[in-house]
Amino acid sequence: MKQISAKALKAKLDAGDKLELFDVRTPEERAIAAIAKSRLLDEAGQTYLLGLDREATLVFQCHHGMRSQKAAEHFLKQGFKNVYNLEGGIDAWSQSVDPSVRRY
């Protein structure tokens, strides 16, 4: 599993790189602040994720990067090969990429 900075993730998204961005926070946290194009890793999100090719690029994010790190490690064990954790989570995204995303 690799770490990815908020700026590097933004560059990949802007370039149209094919990746799946999963938000491992609660729906309540997500209601406060979210990254566009991210998918909540709820039951439906997990079903979708497990149906992806094991070569798909997966990026996990949470508030500060700790919960998403655990999720990324879990899905590596499920056979996914291109797995990233957003360093600093949505907090880093808000500080270095999109200040309109509310910090909490």
PDB file of N, CA and C in Angstrom:
ATOM      1  N   MET A   1       0.829  -1.164   0.000  1.00  0.00           N
ATOM      2  CA  MET A   1       0.000   0.000   0.000  1.00  0.00           C
ATOM      3  C   MET A   1       0.882   1.237   0.000  1.00  0.00           C
ATOM      4  N   LYS A   2       0.435   2.220  -0.752  1.00  0.00           N
ATOM      5  CA  LYS A   2       1.212   3.451  -0.865  1.00  0.00           C
ATOM      6  C   LYS A   2       0.432   4.605  -0.255  1.00  0.00           C
ATOM      7  N   GLN A   3       1.162   5.620   0.182  1.00  0.00           N
ATOM      8  CA  GLN A   3       0.544   6.863   0.648  1.00  0.00           C
ATOM      9  C   GLN A   3       0.465   7.806  -0.552  1.00  0.00           C
ATOM     10  N   ILE A   4      -0.568   8.633  -0.576  1.00  0.00           N
ATOM     11  CA  ILE A   4      -0.697   9.648  -1.615  1.00  0.00           C
ATOM     12  C   ILE A   4      -1.067  10.962  -0.940  1.00  0.00           C
ATOM     13  N   SER A   5      -0.422  12.029  -1.359  1.00  0.00           N
ATOM     14  CA  SER A   5      -0.731  13.342  -0.789  1.00  0.00           C
ATOM     15  C   SER A   5      -2.015  13.871  -1.417  1.00  0.00           C
ATOM     16  N   ALA A   6      -2.621  14.830  -0.746  1.00  0.00           N
ATOM     17  CA  ALA A   6      -3.833  15.450  -1.274  1.00  0.00           C
ATOM     18  C   ALA A   6      -3.570  16.096  -2.634  1.00  0.00           C
ATOM     19  N   LYS A   7      -2.429  16.774  -2.770  1.00  0.00           N
ATOM     20  CA  LYS A   7      -2.107  17.424  -4.046  1.00  0.00           C
ATOM     21  C   LYS A   7      -1.895  16.405  -5.160  1.00  0.00           C
ATOM     22  N   ALA A   8      -1.255  15.282  -4.846  1.00  0.00           N
ATOM     23  CA  ALA A   8      -1.037  14.242  -5.861  1.00  0.00           C
ATOM     24  C   ALA A   8      -2.363  13.600  -6.267  1.00  0.00           C
ATOM     25  N   LEU A   9      -3.259  13.399  -5.309  1.00  0.00           N
ATOM     26  CA  LEU A   9      -4.578  12.857  -5.632  1.00  0.00           C
ATOM     27  C   LEU A   9      -5.343  13.837  -6.514  1.00  0.00           C
ATOM     28  N   LYS A  10      -5.298  15.103  -6.177  1.00  0.00           N
ATOM     29  CA  LYS A  10      -5.976  16.126  -6.997  1.00  0.00           C
ATOM     30  C   LYS A  10      -5.442  16.106  -8.419  1.00  0.00           C
ATOM     31  N   ALA A  11      -4.131  15.977  -8.580  1.00  0.00           N
ATOM     32  CA  ALA A  11      -3.523  15.928  -9.918  1.00  0.00           C
ATOM     33  C   ALA A  11      -4.032  14.713 -10.689  1.00  0.00           C
ATOM     34  N   LYS A  12      -4.142  13.571 -10.025  1.00  0.00           N
ATOM     35  CA  LYS A  12      -4.647  12.362 -10.695  1.00  0.00           C
ATOM     36  C   LYS A  12      -6.105  12.546 -11.110  1.00  0.00           C
ATOM     37  N   LEU A  13      -6.908  13.122 -10.213  1.00  0.00           N
ATOM     38  CA  LEU A  13      -8.311  13.355 -10.538  1.00  0.00           C
ATOM     39  C   LEU A  13      -8.440  14.333 -11.699  1.00  0.00           C
ATOM     40  N   ASP A  14      -7.660  15.412 -11.670  1.00  0.00           N
ATOM     41  CA  ASP A  14      -7.704  16.413 -12.750  1.00  0.00           C
ATOM     42  C   ASP A  14      -7.250  15.829 -14.079  1.00  0.00           C
ATOM     43  N   ALA A  15      -6.312  14.882 -14.033  1.00  0.00           N
ATOM     44  CA  ALA A  15      -5.796  14.261 -15.257  1.00  0.00           C
ATOM     45  C   ALA A  15      -6.756  13.199 -15.798  1.00  0.00           C
ATOM     46  N   GLY A  16      -7.782  12.884 -15.014  1.00  0.00           N
ATOM     47  CA  GLY A  16      -8.737  11.872 -15.455  1.00  0.00           C
ATOM     48  C   GLY A  16      -8.250  10.451 -15.246  1.00  0.00           C
ATOM     49  N   ASP A  17      -7.254  10.283 -14.377  1.00  0.00           N
ATOM     50  CA  ASP A  17      -6.773   8.929 -14.088  1.00  0.00           C
ATOM     51  C   ASP A  17      -7.924   8.085 -13.557  1.00  0.00           C
ATOM     52  N   LYS A  18      -7.933   6.846 -13.980  1.00  0.00           N
ATOM     53  CA  LYS A  18      -8.986   5.929 -13.536  1.00  0.00           C
ATOM     54  C   LYS A  18      -8.639   5.441 -12.138  1.00  0.00           C
ATOM     55  N   LEU A  19      -9.450   5.852 -11.177  1.00  0.00           N
ATOM     56  CA  LEU A  19      -9.256   5.404  -9.799  1.00  0.00           C
ATOM     57  C   LEU A  19     -10.594   5.415  -9.082  1.00  0.00           C
ATOM     58  N   GLU A  20     -10.651   4.663  -8.024  1.00  0.00           N
ATOM     59  CA  GLU A  20     -11.853   4.586  -7.193  1.00  0.00           C
ATOM     60  C   GLU A  20     -11.504   5.183  -5.838  1.00  0.00           C
ATOM     61  N   LEU A  21     -12.234   6.220  -5.437  1.00  0.00           N
ATOM     62  CA  LEU A  21     -11.980   6.914  -4.183  1.00  0.00           C
ATOM     63  C   LEU A  21     -13.063   6.544  -3.177  1.00  0.00           C
ATOM     64  N   PHE A  22     -12.641   5.936  -2.071  1.00  0.00           N
ATOM     65  CA  PHE A  22     -13.570   5.479  -1.048  1.00  0.00           C
ATOM     66  C   PHE A  22     -13.383   6.251   0.248  1.00  0.00           C
ATOM     67  N   ASP A  23     -14.490   6.704   0.806  1.00  0.00           N
ATOM     68  CA  ASP A  23     -14.535   7.454   2.058  1.00  0.00           C
ATOM     69  C   ASP A  23     -14.967   6.481   3.152  1.00  0.00           C
ATOM     70  N   VAL A  24     -14.095   6.239   4.125  1.00  0.00           N
ATOM     71  CA  VAL A  24     -14.387   5.251   5.166  1.00  0.00           C
ATOM     72  C   VAL A  24     -15.028   5.872   6.413  1.00  0.00           C
ATOM     73  N   ARG A  25     -15.315   7.164   6.369  1.00  0.00           N
ATOM     74  CA  ARG A  25     -15.928   7.831   7.515  1.00  0.00           C
ATOM     75  C   ARG A  25     -17.417   7.488   7.614  1.00  0.00           C
ATOM     76  N   THR A  26     -18.040   8.001   8.657  1.00  0.00           N
ATOM     77  CA  THR A  26     -19.475   7.780   8.852  1.00  0.00           C
ATOM     78  C   THR A  26     -20.269   8.697   7.928  1.00  0.00           C
ATOM     79  N   PRO A  27     -21.531   8.355   7.672  1.00  0.00           N
ATOM     80  CA  PRO A  27     -22.373   9.259   6.869  1.00  0.00           C
ATOM     81  C   PRO A  27     -22.480  10.653   7.501  1.00  0.00           C
ATOM     82  N   GLU A  28     -22.464  10.717   8.832  1.00  0.00           N
ATOM     83  CA  GLU A  28     -22.556  12.009   9.513  1.00  0.00           C
ATOM     84  C   GLU A  28     -21.312  12.857   9.238  1.00  0.00           C
ATOM     85  N   GLU A  29     -20.139  12.241   9.272  1.00  0.00           N
ATOM     86  CA  GLU A  29     -18.905  12.979   8.963  1.00  0.00           C
ATOM     87  C   GLU A  29     -18.907  13.429   7.507  1.00  0.00           C
ATOM     88  N   ARG A  30     -19.364  12.544   6.652  1.00  0.00           N
ATOM     89  CA  ARG A  30     -19.401  12.839   5.222  1.00  0.00           C
ATOM     90  C   ARG A  30     -20.340  14.011   4.921  1.00  0.00           C
ATOM     91  N   ALA A  31     -21.404  14.142   5.725  1.00  0.00           N
ATOM     92  CA  ALA A  31     -22.348  15.256   5.547  1.00  0.00           C
ATOM     93  C   ALA A  31     -21.684  16.591   5.868  1.00  0.00           C
ATOM     94  N   ILE A  32     -20.681  16.567   6.729  1.00  0.00           N
ATOM     95  CA  ILE A  32     -19.954  17.789   7.090  1.00  0.00           C
ATOM     96  C   ILE A  32     -19.008  18.203   5.970  1.00  0.00           C
ATOM     97  N   ALA A  33     -18.277  17.224   5.423  1.00  0.00           N
ATOM     98  CA  ALA A  33     -17.259  17.515   4.409  1.00  0.00           C
ATOM     99  C   ALA A  33     -17.011  16.269   3.582  1.00  0.00           C
ATOM    100  N   ALA A  34     -16.919  16.445   2.272  1.00  0.00           N
ATOM    101  CA  ALA A  34     -16.667  15.300   1.389  1.00  0.00           C
ATOM    102  C   ALA A  34     -15.873  15.755   0.170  1.00  0.00           C
ATOM    103  N   ILE A  35     -15.166  14.809  -0.403  1.00  0.00           N
ATOM    104  CA  ILE A  35     -14.446  15.042  -1.648  1.00  0.00           C
ATOM    105  C   ILE A  35     -15.350  14.573  -2.786  1.00  0.00           C
ATOM    106  N   ALA A  36     -15.583  15.459  -3.750  1.00  0.00           N
ATOM    107  CA  ALA A  36     -16.394  15.083  -4.907  1.00  0.00           C
ATOM    108  C   ALA A  36     -15.787  13.833  -5.543  1.00  0.00           C
ATOM    109  N   LYS A  37     -16.631  12.974  -6.052  1.00  0.00           N
ATOM    110  CA  LYS A  37     -16.242  11.730  -6.718  1.00  0.00           C
ATOM    111  C   LYS A  37     -15.868  10.620  -5.743  1.00  0.00           C
ATOM    112  N   SER A  38     -15.980  10.883  -4.437  1.00  0.00           N
ATOM    113  CA  SER A  38     -15.707   9.802  -3.482  1.00  0.00           C
ATOM    114  C   SER A  38     -16.990   9.023  -3.243  1.00  0.00           C
ATOM    115  N   ARG A  39     -16.817   7.777  -2.851  1.00  0.00           N
ATOM    116  CA  ARG A  39     -17.933   6.875  -2.590  1.00  0.00           C
ATOM    117  C   ARG A  39     -17.837   6.425  -1.144  1.00  0.00           C
ATOM    118  N   LEU A  40     -18.948   6.494  -0.427  1.00  0.00           N
ATOM    119  CA  LEU A  40     -18.988   6.038   0.954  1.00  0.00           C
ATOM    120  C   LEU A  40     -18.745   4.531   0.994  1.00  0.00           C
ATOM    121  N   LEU A  41     -17.891   4.110   1.893  1.00  0.00           N
ATOM    122  CA  LEU A  41     -17.593   2.677   2.017  1.00  0.00           C
ATOM    123  C   LEU A  41     -18.569   2.063   3.024  1.00  0.00           C
ATOM    124  N   ASP A  42     -19.838   2.115   2.667  1.00  0.00           N
ATOM    125  CA  ASP A  42     -20.884   1.461   3.436  1.00  0.00           C
ATOM    126  C   ASP A  42     -21.102   0.078   2.826  1.00  0.00           C
ATOM    127  N   GLU A  43     -22.187  -0.568   3.130  1.00  0.00           N
ATOM    128  CA  GLU A  43     -22.431  -1.910   2.599  1.00  0.00           C
ATOM    129  C   GLU A  43     -22.472  -1.913   1.068  1.00  0.00           C
ATOM    130  N   ALA A  44     -23.169  -0.938   0.488  1.00  0.00           N
ATOM    131  CA  ALA A  44     -23.236  -0.850  -0.976  1.00  0.00           C
ATOM    132  C   ALA A  44     -21.861  -0.556  -1.568  1.00  0.00           C
ATOM    133  N   GLY A  45     -21.114   0.329  -0.918  1.00  0.00           N
ATOM    134  CA  GLY A  45     -19.774   0.652  -1.383  1.00  0.00           C
ATOM    135  C   GLY A  45     -18.839  -0.548  -1.328  1.00  0.00           C
ATOM    136  N   GLN A  46     -18.953  -1.339  -0.270  1.00  0.00           N
ATOM    137  CA  GLN A  46     -18.121  -2.536  -0.159  1.00  0.00           C
ATOM    138  C   GLN A  46     -18.481  -3.565  -1.221  1.00  0.00           C
ATOM    139  N   THR A  47     -19.776  -3.719  -1.481  1.00  0.00           N
ATOM    140  CA  THR A  47     -20.212  -4.647  -2.527  1.00  0.00           C
ATOM    141  C   THR A  47     -19.642  -4.206  -3.869  1.00  0.00           C
ATOM    142  N   TYR A  48     -19.727  -2.917  -4.148  1.00  0.00           N
ATOM    143  CA  TYR A  48     -19.179  -2.374  -5.390  1.00  0.00           C
ATOM    144  C   TYR A  48     -17.670  -2.621  -5.452  1.00  0.00           C
ATOM    145  N   LEU A  49     -16.968  -2.294  -4.376  1.00  0.00           N
ATOM    146  CA  LEU A  49     -15.514  -2.442  -4.337  1.00  0.00           C
ATOM    147  C   LEU A  49     -15.099  -3.889  -4.585  1.00  0.00           C
ATOM    148  N   LEU A  50     -15.759  -4.819  -3.919  1.00  0.00           N
ATOM    149  CA  LEU A  50     -15.381  -6.227  -4.056  1.00  0.00           C
ATOM    150  C   LEU A  50     -15.657  -6.776  -5.456  1.00  0.00           C
ATOM    151  N   GLY A  51     -16.483  -6.074  -6.233  1.00  0.00           N
ATOM    152  CA  GLY A  51     -16.749  -6.472  -7.611  1.00  0.00           C
ATOM    153  C   GLY A  51     -15.733  -5.916  -8.602  1.00  0.00           C
ATOM    154  N   LEU A  52     -14.828  -5.062  -8.137  1.00  0.00           N
ATOM    155  CA  LEU A  52     -13.831  -4.460  -9.027  1.00  0.00           C
ATOM    156  C   LEU A  52     -12.704  -5.436  -9.337  1.00  0.00           C
ATOM    157  N   ASP A  53     -12.057  -5.203 -10.461  1.00  0.00           N
ATOM    158  CA  ASP A  53     -10.860  -5.952 -10.825  1.00  0.00           C
ATOM    159  C   ASP A  53      -9.786  -5.708  -9.769  1.00  0.00           C
ATOM    160  N   ARG A  54      -9.035  -6.731  -9.438  1.00  0.00           N
ATOM    161  CA  ARG A  54      -8.009  -6.607  -8.398  1.00  0.00           C
ATOM    162  C   ARG A  54      -6.848  -5.701  -8.823  1.00  0.00           C
ATOM    163  N   GLU A  55      -6.825  -5.294 -10.094  1.00  0.00           N
ATOM    164  CA  GLU A  55      -5.813  -4.353 -10.593  1.00  0.00           C
ATOM    165  C   GLU A  55      -6.299  -2.905 -10.519  1.00  0.00           C
ATOM    166  N   ALA A  56      -7.558  -2.690 -10.153  1.00  0.00           N
ATOM    167  CA  ALA A  56      -8.109  -1.332 -10.074  1.00  0.00           C
ATOM    168  C   ALA A  56      -7.313  -0.503  -9.064  1.00  0.00           C
ATOM    169  N   THR A  57      -7.210   0.782  -9.341  1.00  0.00           N
ATOM    170  CA  THR A  57      -6.546   1.690  -8.408  1.00  0.00           C
ATOM    171  C   THR A  57      -7.565   2.153  -7.381  1.00  0.00           C
ATOM    172  N   LEU A  58      -7.274   1.872  -6.119  1.00  0.00           N
ATOM    173  CA  LEU A  58      -8.152   2.231  -5.016  1.00  0.00           C
ATOM    174  C   LEU A  58      -7.467   3.272  -4.140  1.00  0.00           C
ATOM    175  N   VAL A  59      -8.216   4.302  -3.758  1.00  0.00           N
ATOM    176  CA  VAL A  59      -7.714   5.304  -2.823  1.00  0.00           C
ATOM    177  C   VAL A  59      -8.725   5.383  -1.684  1.00  0.00           C
ATOM    178  N   PHE A  60      -8.219   5.269  -0.467  1.00  0.00           N
ATOM    179  CA  PHE A  60      -9.068   5.344   0.716  1.00  0.00           C
ATOM    180  C   PHE A  60      -8.782   6.639   1.459  1.00  0.00           C
ATOM    181  N   GLN A  61      -9.830   7.245   2.010  1.00  0.00           N
ATOM    182  CA  GLN A  61      -9.674   8.486   2.775  1.00  0.00           C
ATOM    183  C   GLN A  61     -10.618   8.483   3.962  1.00  0.00           C
ATOM    184  N   CYS A  62     -10.169   9.170   5.010  1.00  0.00           N
ATOM    185  CA  CYS A  62     -10.990   9.368   6.195  1.00  0.00           C
ATOM    186  C   CYS A  62     -10.742  10.794   6.679  1.00  0.00           C
ATOM    187  N   HIS A  63     -10.834  11.019   7.967  1.00  0.00           N
ATOM    188  CA  HIS A  63     -10.648  12.372   8.493  1.00  0.00           C
ATOM    189  C   HIS A  63      -9.171  12.771   8.505  1.00  0.00           C
ATOM    190  N   HIS A  64      -8.326  11.927   9.107  1.00  0.00           N
ATOM    191  CA  HIS A  64      -6.894  12.249   9.196  1.00  0.00           C
ATOM    192  C   HIS A  64      -5.981  11.190   8.591  1.00  0.00           C
ATOM    193  N   GLY A  65      -6.533  10.090   8.096  1.00  0.00           N
ATOM    194  CA  GLY A  65      -5.719   9.081   7.425  1.00  0.00           C
ATOM    195  C   GLY A  65      -5.467   7.802   8.195  1.00  0.00           C
ATOM    196  N   MET A  66      -5.985   7.681   9.412  1.00  0.00           N
ATOM    197  CA  MET A  66      -5.734   6.476  10.204  1.00  0.00           C
ATOM    198  C   MET A  66      -6.728   5.360   9.896  1.00  0.00           C
ATOM    199  N   ARG A  67      -8.013   5.679   9.880  1.00  0.00           N
ATOM    200  CA  ARG A  67      -9.022   4.655   9.553  1.00  0.00           C
ATOM    201  C   ARG A  67      -8.862   4.185   8.114  1.00  0.00           C
ATOM    202  N   SER A  68      -8.547   5.124   7.227  1.00  0.00           N
ATOM    203  CA  SER A  68      -8.385   4.746   5.822  1.00  0.00           C
ATOM    204  C   SER A  68      -7.144   3.878   5.630  1.00  0.00           C
ATOM    205  N   GLN A  69      -6.132   4.083   6.439  1.00  0.00           N
ATOM    206  CA  GLN A  69      -4.933   3.236   6.393  1.00  0.00           C
ATOM    207  C   GLN A  69      -5.327   1.787   6.693  1.00  0.00           C
ATOM    208  N   LYS A  70      -6.144   1.583   7.714  1.00  0.00           N
ATOM    209  CA  LYS A  70      -6.593   0.237   8.081  1.00  0.00           C
ATOM    210  C   LYS A  70      -7.444  -0.376   6.970  1.00  0.00           C
ATOM    211  N   ALA A  71      -8.309   0.432   6.365  1.00  0.00           N
ATOM    212  CA  ALA A  71      -9.138  -0.061   5.264  1.00  0.00           C
ATOM    213  C   ALA A  71      -8.265  -0.457   4.077  1.00  0.00           C
ATOM    214  N   ALA A  72      -7.279   0.377   3.762  1.00  0.00           N
ATOM    215  CA  ALA A  72      -6.373   0.076   2.650  1.00  0.00           C
ATOM    216  C   ALA A  72      -5.637  -1.232   2.906  1.00  0.00           C
ATOM    217  N   GLU A  73      -5.152  -1.430   4.119  1.00  0.00           N
ATOM    218  CA  GLU A  73      -4.455  -2.665   4.464  1.00  0.00           C
ATOM    219  C   GLU A  73      -5.387  -3.875   4.329  1.00  0.00           C
ATOM    220  N   HIS A  74      -6.636  -3.709   4.753  1.00  0.00           N
ATOM    221  CA  HIS A  74      -7.627  -4.791   4.641  1.00  0.00           C
ATOM    222  C   HIS A  74      -7.825  -5.201   3.179  1.00  0.00           C
ATOM    223  N   PHE A  75      -7.985  -4.221   2.298  1.00  0.00           N
ATOM    224  CA  PHE A  75      -8.255  -4.561   0.906  1.00  0.00           C
ATOM    225  C   PHE A  75      -7.011  -5.050   0.168  1.00  0.00           C
ATOM    226  N   LEU A  76      -5.843  -4.703   0.643  1.00  0.00           N
ATOM    227  CA  LEU A  76      -4.626  -5.328   0.113  1.00  0.00           C
ATOM    228  C   LEU A  76      -4.677  -6.829   0.380  1.00  0.00           C
ATOM    229  N   LYS A  77      -5.124  -7.196   1.563  1.00  0.00           N
ATOM    230  CA  LYS A  77      -5.232  -8.618   1.930  1.00  0.00           C
ATOM    231  C   LYS A  77      -6.302  -9.333   1.114  1.00  0.00           C
ATOM    232  N   GLN A  78      -7.226  -8.553   0.534  1.00  0.00           N
ATOM    233  CA  GLN A  78      -8.269  -9.129  -0.321  1.00  0.00           C
ATOM    234  C   GLN A  78      -7.783  -9.314  -1.757  1.00  0.00           C
ATOM    235  N   GLY A  79      -6.518  -8.998  -2.011  1.00  0.00           N
ATOM    236  CA  GLY A  79      -5.933  -9.232  -3.324  1.00  0.00           C
ATOM    237  C   GLY A  79      -5.816  -8.019  -4.225  1.00  0.00           C
ATOM    238  N   PHE A  80      -6.245  -6.850  -3.758  1.00  0.00           N
ATOM    239  CA  PHE A  80      -6.089  -5.646  -4.571  1.00  0.00           C
ATOM    240  C   PHE A  80      -4.621  -5.237  -4.570  1.00  0.00           C
ATOM    241  N   LYS A  81      -4.133  -4.778  -5.715  1.00  0.00           N
ATOM    242  CA  LYS A  81      -2.700  -4.524  -5.872  1.00  0.00           C
ATOM    243  C   LYS A  81      -2.318  -3.047  -5.886  1.00  0.00           C
ATOM    244  N   ASN A  82      -3.216  -2.183  -6.325  1.00  0.00           N
ATOM    245  CA  ASN A  82      -2.921  -0.750  -6.459  1.00  0.00           C
ATOM    246  C   ASN A  82      -3.741   0.031  -5.435  1.00  0.00           C
ATOM    247  N   VAL A  83      -3.257   0.028  -4.206  1.00  0.00           N
ATOM    248  CA  VAL A  83      -4.010   0.577  -3.089  1.00  0.00           C
ATOM    249  C   VAL A  83      -3.249   1.758  -2.478  1.00  0.00           C
ATOM    250  N   TYR A  84      -3.968   2.856  -2.281  1.00  0.00           N
ATOM    251  CA  TYR A  84      -3.389   4.071  -1.722  1.00  0.00           C
ATOM    252  C   TYR A  84      -4.193   4.531  -0.511  1.00  0.00           C
ATOM    253  N   ASN A  85      -3.515   5.216   0.380  1.00  0.00           N
ATOM    254  CA  ASN A  85      -4.143   5.885   1.504  1.00  0.00           C
ATOM    255  C   ASN A  85      -3.883   7.381   1.357  1.00  0.00           C
ATOM    256  N   LEU A  86      -4.931   8.191   1.494  1.00  0.00           N
ATOM    257  CA  LEU A  86      -4.777   9.642   1.417  1.00  0.00           C
ATOM    258  C   LEU A  86      -4.141  10.131   2.709  1.00  0.00           C
ATOM    259  N   GLU A  87      -2.888  10.558   2.611  1.00  0.00           N
ATOM    260  CA  GLU A  87      -2.155  11.075   3.765  1.00  0.00           C
ATOM    261  C   GLU A  87      -2.873  12.301   4.333  1.00  0.00           C
ATOM    262  N   GLY A  88      -3.167  12.253   5.623  1.00  0.00           N
ATOM    263  CA  GLY A  88      -3.800  13.398   6.269  1.00  0.00           C
ATOM    264  C   GLY A  88      -5.295  13.493   6.051  1.00  0.00           C
ATOM    265  N   GLY A  89      -5.858  12.590   5.258  1.00  0.00           N
ATOM    266  CA  GLY A  89      -7.297  12.526   5.038  1.00  0.00           C
ATOM    267  C   GLY A  89      -7.907  13.791   4.468  1.00  0.00           C
ATOM    268  N   ILE A  90      -9.199  13.930   4.726  1.00  0.00           N
ATOM    269  CA  ILE A  90      -9.923  15.077   4.183  1.00  0.00           C
ATOM    270  C   ILE A  90      -9.438  16.380   4.809  1.00  0.00           C
ATOM    271  N   ASP A  91      -8.849  16.285   6.000  1.00  0.00           N
ATOM    272  CA  ASP A  91      -8.302  17.484   6.622  1.00  0.00           C
ATOM    273  C   ASP A  91      -7.166  18.051   5.762  1.00  0.00           C
ATOM    274  N   ALA A  92      -6.293  17.184   5.286  1.00  0.00           N
ATOM    275  CA  ALA A  92      -5.203  17.619   4.400  1.00  0.00           C
ATOM    276  C   ALA A  92      -5.761  18.139   3.081  1.00  0.00           C
ATOM    277  N   TRP A  93      -6.812  17.487   2.571  1.00  0.00           N
ATOM    278  CA  TRP A  93      -7.456  17.934   1.334  1.00  0.00           C
ATOM    279  C   TRP A  93      -7.956  19.373   1.497  1.00  0.00           C
ATOM    280  N   SER A  94      -8.615  19.627   2.614  1.00  0.00           N
ATOM    281  CA  SER A  94      -9.151  20.959   2.882  1.00  0.00           C
ATOM    282  C   SER A  94      -8.037  21.997   2.991  1.00  0.00           C
ATOM    283  N   GLN A  95      -6.939  21.633   3.631  1.00  0.00           N
ATOM    284  CA  GLN A  95      -5.849  22.583   3.841  1.00  0.00           C
ATOM    285  C   GLN A  95      -5.011  22.846   2.590  1.00  0.00           C
ATOM    286  N   SER A  96      -4.804  21.816   1.762  1.00  0.00           N
ATOM    287  CA  SER A  96      -3.869  21.998   0.650  1.00  0.00           C
ATOM    288  C   SER A  96      -4.489  21.976  -0.744  1.00  0.00           C
ATOM    289  N   VAL A  97      -5.762  21.557  -0.848  1.00  0.00           N
ATOM    290  CA  VAL A  97      -6.365  21.466  -2.181  1.00  0.00           C
ATOM    291  C   VAL A  97      -7.622  22.327  -2.305  1.00  0.00           C
ATOM    292  N   ASP A  98      -8.558  22.138  -1.390  1.00  0.00           N
ATOM    293  CA  ASP A  98      -9.852  22.804  -1.531  1.00  0.00           C
ATOM    294  C   ASP A  98     -10.316  23.380  -0.191  1.00  0.00           C
ATOM    295  N   PRO A  99      -9.981  24.647   0.069  1.00  0.00           N
ATOM    296  CA  PRO A  99     -10.363  25.253   1.348  1.00  0.00           C
ATOM    297  C   PRO A  99     -11.867  25.421   1.532  1.00  0.00           C
ATOM    298  N   SER A 100     -12.655  25.204   0.476  1.00  0.00           N
ATOM    299  CA  SER A 100     -14.109  25.270   0.633  1.00  0.00           C
ATOM    300  C   SER A 100     -14.656  24.040   1.345  1.00  0.00           C
ATOM    301  N   VAL A 101     -13.843  22.975   1.414  1.00  0.00           N
ATOM    302  CA  VAL A 101     -14.241  21.785   2.159  1.00  0.00           C
ATOM    303  C   VAL A 101     -14.058  22.083   3.645  1.00  0.00           C
ATOM    304  N   ARG A 102     -15.130  21.999   4.355  1.00  0.00           N
ATOM    305  CA  ARG A 102     -15.150  22.385   5.765  1.00  0.00           C
ATOM    306  C   ARG A 102     -14.222  21.495   6.609  1.00  0.00           C
ATOM    307  N   ARG A 103     -13.481  22.118   7.492  1.00  0.00           N
ATOM    308  CA  ARG A 103     -12.652  21.377   8.455  1.00  0.00           C
ATOM    309  C   ARG A 103     -13.462  21.169   9.724  1.00  0.00           C
ATOM    310  N   TYR A 104     -13.229  20.045  10.368  1.00  0.00           N
ATOM    311  CA  TYR A 104     -13.913  19.755  11.633  1.00  0.00           C
ATOM    312  C   TYR A 104     -13.020  19.007  12.570  1.00  0.00           C
TER     313      TYR A 104
END
